[in-house]
């Protein structure tokens, strides 16, 4: 299985359990970008090799 295939297939059960580390709010999955989005924090957390990187310092700002 390729790295791209793993990244694009996030387990829905995992998504329900994950929360934004900054706000403790829900996340949505952007399959095309390979990111988990926290609308409340305005941050996008990357998914690398199928593993969500839930570190605020690694998140991309959605502002500006």
N, C-alpha and C. Protein backbone atom coordinates (compact mmCIF):
# COMPACT_ATOMS: atom_id res chain seq x y z
N UNK A 1 0.86 -1.18 0.00
CA UNK A 1 0.00 0.00 0.00
C UNK A 1 0.90 1.24 0.00
N UNK A 2 0.62 2.18 -0.85
CA UNK A 2 1.46 3.37 -0.95
C UNK A 2 1.18 4.33 0.19
N UNK A 3 2.14 5.22 0.46
CA UNK A 3 2.01 6.25 1.50
C UNK A 3 0.82 7.15 1.21
N UNK A 4 0.58 7.46 -0.06
CA UNK A 4 -0.53 8.33 -0.45
C UNK A 4 -1.87 7.67 -0.13
N UNK A 5 -1.97 6.38 -0.37
CA UNK A 5 -3.21 5.66 -0.08
C UNK A 5 -3.50 5.68 1.42
N UNK A 6 -2.49 5.46 2.23
CA UNK A 6 -2.65 5.48 3.68
C UNK A 6 -3.11 6.86 4.13
N UNK A 7 -2.49 7.90 3.64
CA UNK A 7 -2.81 9.26 4.04
C UNK A 7 -4.24 9.64 3.68
N UNK A 8 -4.73 9.20 2.55
CA UNK A 8 -6.05 9.59 2.09
C UNK A 8 -7.19 8.80 2.73
N UNK A 9 -6.88 7.76 3.49
CA UNK A 9 -7.91 6.93 4.10
C UNK A 9 -7.82 7.02 5.62
N UNK A 10 -8.47 8.01 6.20
CA UNK A 10 -8.49 8.17 7.65
C UNK A 10 -9.69 7.43 8.21
N UNK A 11 -9.45 6.60 9.21
CA UNK A 11 -10.51 5.82 9.84
C UNK A 11 -11.54 6.75 10.48
N UNK A 12 -12.81 6.66 10.07
CA UNK A 12 -13.85 7.53 10.64
C UNK A 12 -13.99 7.39 12.15
N UNK A 13 -13.73 6.21 12.68
CA UNK A 13 -13.80 6.00 14.12
C UNK A 13 -12.69 6.80 14.83
N UNK A 14 -11.51 6.85 14.23
CA UNK A 14 -10.40 7.64 14.78
C UNK A 14 -10.76 9.12 14.77
N UNK A 15 -11.35 9.58 13.69
CA UNK A 15 -11.73 10.98 13.58
C UNK A 15 -12.71 11.39 14.68
N UNK A 16 -13.62 10.51 15.01
CA UNK A 16 -14.59 10.82 16.08
C UNK A 16 -13.92 10.94 17.44
N UNK A 17 -12.79 10.30 17.63
CA UNK A 17 -12.10 10.31 18.92
C UNK A 17 -11.11 11.47 19.05
N UNK A 18 -10.62 11.97 17.94
CA UNK A 18 -9.63 13.05 17.98
C UNK A 18 -10.31 14.40 18.21
N UNK A 19 -9.62 15.25 18.96
CA UNK A 19 -10.09 16.62 19.18
C UNK A 19 -8.90 17.56 18.98
N UNK A 20 -9.19 18.81 18.74
CA UNK A 20 -8.15 19.82 18.59
C UNK A 20 -7.42 19.96 19.93
N UNK A 21 -6.09 19.87 19.94
CA UNK A 21 -5.36 20.00 21.19
C UNK A 21 -5.43 21.41 21.78
N UNK A 22 -5.73 22.39 20.97
CA UNK A 22 -5.81 23.78 21.46
C UNK A 22 -7.18 24.09 22.07
N UNK A 23 -8.25 23.70 21.39
CA UNK A 23 -9.60 24.06 21.83
C UNK A 23 -10.38 22.90 22.44
N UNK A 24 -9.92 21.68 22.23
CA UNK A 24 -10.64 20.47 22.61
C UNK A 24 -11.95 20.33 21.83
N UNK A 25 -12.03 21.04 20.72
CA UNK A 25 -13.21 20.99 19.87
C UNK A 25 -13.08 19.95 18.77
N UNK A 26 -14.16 19.75 18.01
CA UNK A 26 -14.16 18.73 16.95
C UNK A 26 -13.27 19.12 15.77
N UNK A 27 -12.90 18.10 15.01
CA UNK A 27 -12.09 18.28 13.81
C UNK A 27 -12.85 17.76 12.61
N UNK A 28 -12.60 18.36 11.46
CA UNK A 28 -13.14 17.82 10.21
C UNK A 28 -11.96 17.37 9.36
N UNK A 29 -12.23 16.42 8.49
CA UNK A 29 -11.18 15.82 7.66
C UNK A 29 -11.23 16.39 6.26
N UNK A 30 -10.11 16.99 5.84
CA UNK A 30 -9.96 17.48 4.47
C UNK A 30 -9.12 16.44 3.73
N UNK A 31 -9.80 15.53 3.05
CA UNK A 31 -9.13 14.42 2.38
C UNK A 31 -8.16 14.91 1.30
N UNK A 32 -8.58 15.91 0.54
CA UNK A 32 -7.74 16.40 -0.56
C UNK A 32 -6.43 17.00 -0.05
N UNK A 33 -6.49 17.77 1.03
CA UNK A 33 -5.29 18.40 1.59
C UNK A 33 -4.53 17.47 2.54
N UNK A 34 -5.20 16.39 2.99
CA UNK A 34 -4.56 15.49 3.94
C UNK A 34 -4.36 16.15 5.29
N UNK A 35 -5.40 16.84 5.76
CA UNK A 35 -5.31 17.58 7.01
C UNK A 35 -6.58 17.41 7.84
N UNK A 36 -6.43 17.60 9.13
CA UNK A 36 -7.56 17.68 10.04
C UNK A 36 -7.75 19.15 10.38
N UNK A 37 -8.96 19.65 10.22
CA UNK A 37 -9.25 21.07 10.36
C UNK A 37 -9.99 21.35 11.66
N UNK A 38 -9.47 22.33 12.40
CA UNK A 38 -10.16 22.85 13.57
C UNK A 38 -10.67 24.24 13.20
N UNK A 39 -11.97 24.33 12.96
CA UNK A 39 -12.55 25.62 12.57
C UNK A 39 -12.46 26.63 13.71
N UNK A 40 -12.66 26.16 14.93
CA UNK A 40 -12.64 27.05 16.09
C UNK A 40 -11.24 27.65 16.31
N UNK A 41 -10.19 26.84 16.19
CA UNK A 41 -8.82 27.31 16.37
C UNK A 41 -8.24 27.92 15.10
N UNK A 42 -8.91 27.70 13.96
CA UNK A 42 -8.42 28.13 12.66
C UNK A 42 -7.02 27.54 12.37
N UNK A 43 -6.93 26.21 12.62
CA UNK A 43 -5.69 25.49 12.40
C UNK A 43 -5.97 24.23 11.58
N UNK A 44 -4.97 23.81 10.81
CA UNK A 44 -5.02 22.59 10.03
C UNK A 44 -3.86 21.70 10.47
N UNK A 45 -4.19 20.52 10.99
CA UNK A 45 -3.18 19.58 11.46
C UNK A 45 -2.86 18.59 10.34
N UNK A 46 -1.57 18.42 10.01
CA UNK A 46 -1.21 17.53 8.90
C UNK A 46 -1.39 16.06 9.27
N UNK A 47 -1.55 15.25 8.23
CA UNK A 47 -1.56 13.80 8.37
C UNK A 47 -0.39 13.31 7.54
N UNK A 48 0.56 12.65 8.19
CA UNK A 48 1.76 12.16 7.51
C UNK A 48 1.85 10.65 7.65
N UNK A 49 1.88 9.97 6.53
CA UNK A 49 1.97 8.51 6.53
C UNK A 49 0.80 7.86 7.24
N UNK A 50 -0.37 8.51 7.18
CA UNK A 50 -1.55 7.98 7.82
C UNK A 50 -1.68 8.33 9.30
N UNK A 51 -0.71 9.10 9.83
CA UNK A 51 -0.71 9.45 11.24
C UNK A 51 -1.01 10.94 11.41
N UNK A 52 -2.09 11.28 12.10
CA UNK A 52 -2.39 12.70 12.37
C UNK A 52 -1.33 13.28 13.31
N UNK A 53 -0.78 14.41 12.94
CA UNK A 53 0.22 15.09 13.76
C UNK A 53 -0.52 16.15 14.58
N UNK A 54 -0.83 15.82 15.81
CA UNK A 54 -1.68 16.66 16.65
C UNK A 54 -0.87 17.59 17.55
N UNK A 55 0.10 18.26 16.98
CA UNK A 55 0.93 19.22 17.70
C UNK A 55 0.61 20.62 17.19
N UNK A 56 0.32 21.53 18.11
CA UNK A 56 -0.03 22.88 17.71
C UNK A 56 1.09 23.52 16.90
N UNK A 57 2.34 23.25 17.28
CA UNK A 57 3.49 23.82 16.56
C UNK A 57 3.61 23.31 15.12
N UNK A 58 3.02 22.17 14.83
CA UNK A 58 3.09 21.58 13.49
C UNK A 58 1.88 21.98 12.63
N UNK A 59 0.87 22.59 13.25
CA UNK A 59 -0.35 22.95 12.54
C UNK A 59 -0.13 24.18 11.65
N UNK A 60 -0.91 24.23 10.59
CA UNK A 60 -0.88 25.36 9.65
C UNK A 60 -2.03 26.30 10.00
N UNK A 61 -1.73 27.57 10.07
CA UNK A 61 -2.77 28.56 10.36
C UNK A 61 -3.69 28.72 9.15
N UNK A 62 -4.98 28.83 9.40
CA UNK A 62 -5.94 29.05 8.33
C UNK A 62 -6.28 30.52 8.20
N UNK A 63 -5.67 31.36 9.00
CA UNK A 63 -5.91 32.81 8.92
C UNK A 63 -4.90 33.42 7.95
N UNK A 64 -5.38 34.41 7.24
CA UNK A 64 -4.51 35.19 6.36
C UNK A 64 -3.97 34.47 5.26
